[in-house]
Protein backbone atom coordinates (compact mmCIF):
# COMPACT_ATOMS: atom_id res chain seq x y z
CA UNK A 1 36.61 -5.06 -47.40
CA UNK A 2 37.92 -1.95 -45.18
CA UNK A 3 35.06 0.16 -46.11
CA UNK A 4 32.51 -2.21 -44.83
CA UNK A 5 34.59 -2.72 -41.51
CA UNK A 6 34.36 1.14 -41.31
CA UNK A 7 30.57 1.18 -41.91
CA UNK A 8 29.83 -1.43 -39.63
CA UNK A 9 32.17 0.14 -36.74
CA UNK A 10 30.45 3.38 -37.76
CA UNK A 11 26.84 2.01 -36.79
CA UNK A 12 27.95 0.05 -33.89
CA UNK A 13 29.45 3.16 -32.27
CA UNK A 14 26.46 5.28 -33.30
CA UNK A 15 24.14 2.83 -31.62
CA UNK A 16 25.93 2.73 -28.38
CA UNK A 17 26.08 6.54 -28.49
CA UNK A 18 22.36 6.74 -29.33
CA UNK A 19 21.57 4.21 -26.54
CA UNK A 20 23.52 6.11 -23.78
CA UNK A 21 21.69 9.10 -24.90
CA UNK A 22 18.34 7.55 -24.78
CA UNK A 23 18.88 6.15 -21.43
CA UNK A 24 20.44 9.97 -20.35
CA UNK A 25 17.07 11.34 -21.95
CA UNK A 26 14.77 8.88 -20.00
CA UNK A 27 12.82 9.79 -16.86
CA UNK A 28 14.65 9.34 -13.92
CA UNK A 29 14.07 6.17 -11.95
CA UNK A 30 11.95 6.89 -8.45
CA UNK A 31 13.34 5.19 -6.12
CA UNK A 32 12.04 4.59 -2.33
CA UNK A 33 13.70 4.14 1.26
CA UNK A 34 12.13 3.41 4.36
CA UNK A 35 14.36 5.52 6.63
CA UNK A 36 14.87 9.26 6.40
CA UNK A 37 16.69 10.67 3.92
CA UNK A 38 18.95 12.54 6.07
CA UNK A 39 20.35 9.27 8.36
CA UNK A 40 23.72 8.41 8.17
CA UNK A 41 23.12 5.39 6.43
CA UNK A 42 20.88 6.55 3.61
CA UNK A 43 23.55 9.24 2.92
CA UNK A 44 25.86 6.51 2.24
CA UNK A 45 23.92 4.61 0.09
CA UNK A 46 22.90 7.77 -1.59
CA UNK A 47 26.43 8.37 -2.28
CA UNK A 48 27.05 4.81 -3.80
CA UNK A 49 23.87 5.29 -6.00
CA UNK A 50 24.73 8.51 -7.10
CA UNK A 51 28.13 7.15 -8.61
CA UNK A 52 26.33 3.86 -9.68
CA UNK A 53 23.43 5.60 -11.68
CA UNK A 54 26.10 8.07 -13.19
CA UNK A 55 28.34 5.37 -14.41
CA UNK A 56 25.45 3.38 -15.89
CA UNK A 57 24.17 6.53 -18.01
CA UNK A 58 20.82 6.67 -15.71
CA UNK A 59 19.32 9.01 -13.10
CA UNK A 60 17.17 8.80 -10.46
CA UNK A 61 15.34 10.19 -7.30
CA UNK A 62 15.05 9.00 -3.99
CA UNK A 63 12.00 9.40 -1.46
CA UNK A 64 11.35 8.28 1.96
CA UNK A 65 8.20 6.19 2.94
CA UNK A 66 7.53 4.36 6.49
CA UNK A 67 7.86 0.63 5.92
CA UNK A 68 4.61 -0.74 4.90
CA UNK A 69 3.79 2.30 2.82
CA UNK A 70 7.05 1.74 0.89
CA UNK A 71 6.09 -1.59 0.16
CA UNK A 72 2.87 -1.07 -1.12
CA UNK A 73 3.98 2.22 -3.23
CA UNK A 74 6.67 0.10 -4.78
CA UNK A 75 4.36 -2.95 -5.54
CA UNK A 76 1.66 -0.73 -7.21
CA UNK A 77 4.06 0.79 -9.30
CA UNK A 78 4.31 4.40 -7.67
CA UNK A 79 8.18 3.77 -7.52
CA UNK A 80 10.22 1.93 -9.60
CA UNK A 81 12.67 0.70 -6.92
CA UNK A 82 13.38 0.17 -3.62
CA UNK A 83 16.73 1.34 -2.37
CA UNK A 84 17.24 -0.92 0.77
CA UNK A 85 15.48 -4.35 1.45
CA UNK A 86 16.63 -7.15 3.01
CA UNK A 87 18.21 -10.20 0.76
CA UNK A 88 14.63 -11.97 1.34
CA UNK A 89 12.64 -9.27 -0.13
CA UNK A 90 11.23 -11.37 -2.48
CA UNK A 91 9.28 -13.24 -0.01
CA UNK A 92 7.33 -10.13 -0.14
CA UNK A 93 7.33 -9.18 -3.54
CA UNK A 94 8.41 -12.24 -5.87
CA UNK A 95 8.62 -10.05 -9.02
CA UNK A 96 11.25 -7.60 -7.57
CA UNK A 97 14.58 -7.76 -9.23
CA UNK A 98 17.34 -7.74 -7.08
CA UNK A 99 20.62 -5.87 -7.46
CA UNK A 100 23.93 -7.16 -6.79
CA UNK A 101 25.99 -6.99 -4.68
CA UNK A 102 24.52 -6.19 -1.43
CA UNK A 103 24.96 -2.41 -0.26
CA UNK A 104 24.84 -3.10 3.49
CA UNK A 105 24.00 -4.99 6.26
CA UNK A 106 21.10 -5.55 8.71
CA UNK A 107 22.02 -6.85 12.08
CA UNK A 108 19.24 -8.30 14.49
CA UNK A 109 18.84 -7.32 18.02
CA UNK A 110 17.21 -8.74 20.96
CA UNK A 111 16.62 -6.19 23.64
CA UNK A 112 15.50 -7.45 27.23
CA UNK A 113 15.31 -6.25 30.89
CA UNK A 114 16.31 -9.52 31.87
CA UNK A 115 20.18 -10.49 31.48
CA UNK A 116 18.76 -14.31 31.23
CA UNK A 117 16.67 -13.63 27.99
CA UNK A 118 19.58 -14.18 25.18
CA UNK A 119 18.27 -15.74 22.24
CA UNK A 120 20.35 -17.49 19.57
CA UNK A 121 18.10 -17.58 16.54
CA UNK A 122 14.99 -16.84 15.31
CA UNK A 123 13.77 -20.24 16.25
CA UNK A 124 14.69 -19.55 19.67
CA UNK A 125 12.37 -16.50 19.63
CA UNK A 126 9.18 -18.82 20.14
CA UNK A 127 10.16 -19.36 23.92
CA UNK A 128 9.33 -15.46 24.32
CA UNK A 129 6.93 -12.90 24.07
CA UNK A 130 8.39 -10.16 21.59
CA UNK A 131 7.59 -6.56 20.22
CA UNK A 132 8.49 -5.12 16.98
CA UNK A 133 7.77 -1.97 14.96
CA UNK A 134 5.00 -2.82 12.55
CA UNK A 135 5.83 -2.41 8.96
CA UNK A 136 9.33 -3.97 9.03
CA UNK A 137 8.12 -6.94 6.77
CA UNK A 138 11.63 -8.67 7.06
CA UNK A 139 10.81 -9.05 11.06
CA UNK A 140 7.42 -9.66 10.77
CA UNK A 141 8.04 -12.81 8.51
CA UNK A 142 10.72 -13.82 10.67
CA UNK A 143 8.44 -13.96 13.63
CA UNK A 144 5.72 -15.96 12.17
CA UNK A 145 6.37 -18.85 14.59
CA UNK A 146 6.10 -16.50 17.57
CA UNK A 147 3.00 -17.03 19.62
CA UNK A 148 3.15 -13.89 21.36
CA UNK A 149 3.68 -10.52 19.26
CA UNK A 150 3.08 -7.11 19.86
CA UNK A 151 3.34 -4.51 17.21
CA UNK A 152 4.53 -1.07 18.03
CA UNK A 153 4.62 2.16 16.09
CA UNK A 154 8.28 3.14 16.64
CA UNK A 155 11.54 1.63 18.24
CA UNK A 156 11.05 3.76 21.08
CA UNK A 157 7.73 2.19 21.91
CA UNK A 158 9.25 -1.13 21.51
CA UNK A 159 11.96 -0.55 23.55
CA UNK A 160 9.68 0.91 26.31
CA UNK A 161 7.58 -2.28 26.39
CA UNK A 162 10.71 -4.29 27.01
CA UNK A 163 11.70 -1.92 29.61
CA UNK A 164 8.30 -2.06 31.37
CA UNK A 165 8.50 -5.91 31.24
CA UNK A 166 5.47 -6.00 29.53
CA UNK A 167 7.28 -8.24 26.82
CA UNK A 168 10.36 -10.39 27.14
CA UNK A 169 11.89 -8.92 24.43
CA UNK A 170 12.07 -6.07 21.60
CA UNK A 171 13.42 -7.09 18.26
CA UNK A 172 14.94 -4.66 15.98
CA UNK A 173 17.30 -4.53 13.31
CA UNK A 174 20.47 -2.20 13.45
CA UNK A 175 22.01 -0.33 10.69
CA UNK A 176 25.60 -1.41 12.07
CA UNK A 177 27.04 -4.34 14.51
CA UNK A 178 27.99 -3.20 17.83
CA UNK A 179 25.16 -0.80 18.29
CA UNK A 180 21.36 -1.29 18.67
CA UNK A 181 18.89 1.39 18.14
CA UNK A 182 18.54 3.92 20.77
CA UNK A 183 21.26 2.36 22.65
CA UNK A 184 22.48 5.54 24.05
CA UNK A 185 18.71 6.19 25.83
CA UNK A 186 17.88 2.51 26.84
CA UNK A 187 21.53 0.98 27.44
CA UNK A 188 20.89 1.27 31.31
CA UNK A 189 17.77 -0.62 31.49
CA UNK A 190 18.17 -3.07 28.82
CA UNK A 191 20.64 -5.58 27.70
CA UNK A 192 20.91 -6.16 23.73
CA UNK A 193 21.95 -9.50 22.19
CA UNK A 194 22.97 -9.92 18.33
CA UNK A 195 21.50 -12.88 17.28
CA UNK A 196 21.21 -12.70 13.59
CA UNK A 197 22.47 -10.79 10.51
CA UNK A 198 21.57 -10.47 6.72
CA UNK A 199 22.34 -8.78 3.60
CA UNK A 200 20.51 -5.78 2.31
CA UNK A 201 20.13 -4.86 -1.34
CA UNK A 202 18.90 -2.32 -3.72
CA UNK A 203 15.55 -3.97 -5.71
CA UNK A 204 14.32 -3.03 -9.07
CA UNK A 205 10.59 -3.57 -10.19
CA UNK A 206 10.22 -6.51 -12.72
CA UNK A 207 9.76 -3.76 -15.50
CA UNK A 208 13.21 -2.62 -15.13
CA UNK A 209 15.49 -5.64 -15.62
CA UNK A 210 17.79 -3.56 -17.67
CA UNK A 211 18.26 -0.97 -15.42
CA UNK A 212 18.80 -3.49 -13.01
CA UNK A 213 21.50 -5.39 -15.07
CA UNK A 214 23.22 -2.01 -15.65
CA UNK A 215 23.27 -1.32 -11.97
CA UNK A 216 24.70 -4.73 -11.08
CA UNK A 217 27.49 -4.25 -13.32
CA UNK A 218 28.62 -1.24 -12.27
CA UNK A 219 28.32 -2.43 -8.37
CA UNK A 220 30.06 -5.22 -9.05
CA UNK A 221 33.11 -3.22 -10.51
CA UNK A 222 32.88 -0.96 -7.71
CA UNK A 223 32.99 -3.91 -5.23
CA UNK A 224 35.89 -5.45 -6.79
CA UNK A 225 38.14 -2.22 -6.58
CA UNK A 226 36.95 -1.63 -2.84
CA UNK A 227 35.16 1.59 -3.63
CA UNK A 228 32.07 0.17 -2.41
CA UNK A 229 33.16 -0.73 0.67
CA UNK A 230 35.13 2.50 1.45
CA UNK A 231 31.72 4.19 0.83
CA UNK A 232 29.38 2.24 2.72
CA UNK A 233 32.07 1.54 5.49
CA UNK A 234 30.70 0.54 9.11
CA UNK A 235 27.31 -0.10 7.24
CA UNK A 236 28.52 -2.89 4.94
CA UNK A 237 30.13 -6.16 5.91
CA UNK A 238 32.34 -7.48 3.08
CA UNK A 239 31.74 -11.02 1.60
């Protein structure tokens, strides 16, 4: 009996070691992110993913693509995952697998030249004309009920439309609460109102369920110990 137990333990350990070696030798998973790799938030995300992938026995690469291009490339299989999308990203890519827990938050601001234009919800935006940056699908979906929408090519262009009163509001997502994009440049001409926030996750393609499960296990442990919150800091609101 003891000899049988030894053989069973040997094969179990061997299987685990071989499995880990197989993951280590597997091609690196290709992830995409819709912000430049040198932006402060993406640097924090990369530090988190570096640890999570290493502890999961996996490897990854990270590339930057603009919003719409990143979605198309992820869906057609050019990338194995997206490192940073809203918790509702499955409305755009139903088969994508959400990795838990969330990495950071998205904080939605409405900027206006009028102090009276202060929306309190997405539904409240229907009474305004709004500008936004095209390709940010999480915002586009939420603006579906707004009759007058003006897509722009950049945050700067969106804010200039609001400052010039060509629209009532510019709607943008901020990386951190308490500060809206380009506030330093436009803060003397525009008023910003925080009207919603949501969680942001890493997502894996449907063919990578095992990788998603491995990452979820490690990230949950990092969340439990507080390590995840320490790394992401101001970019993440704890549960």
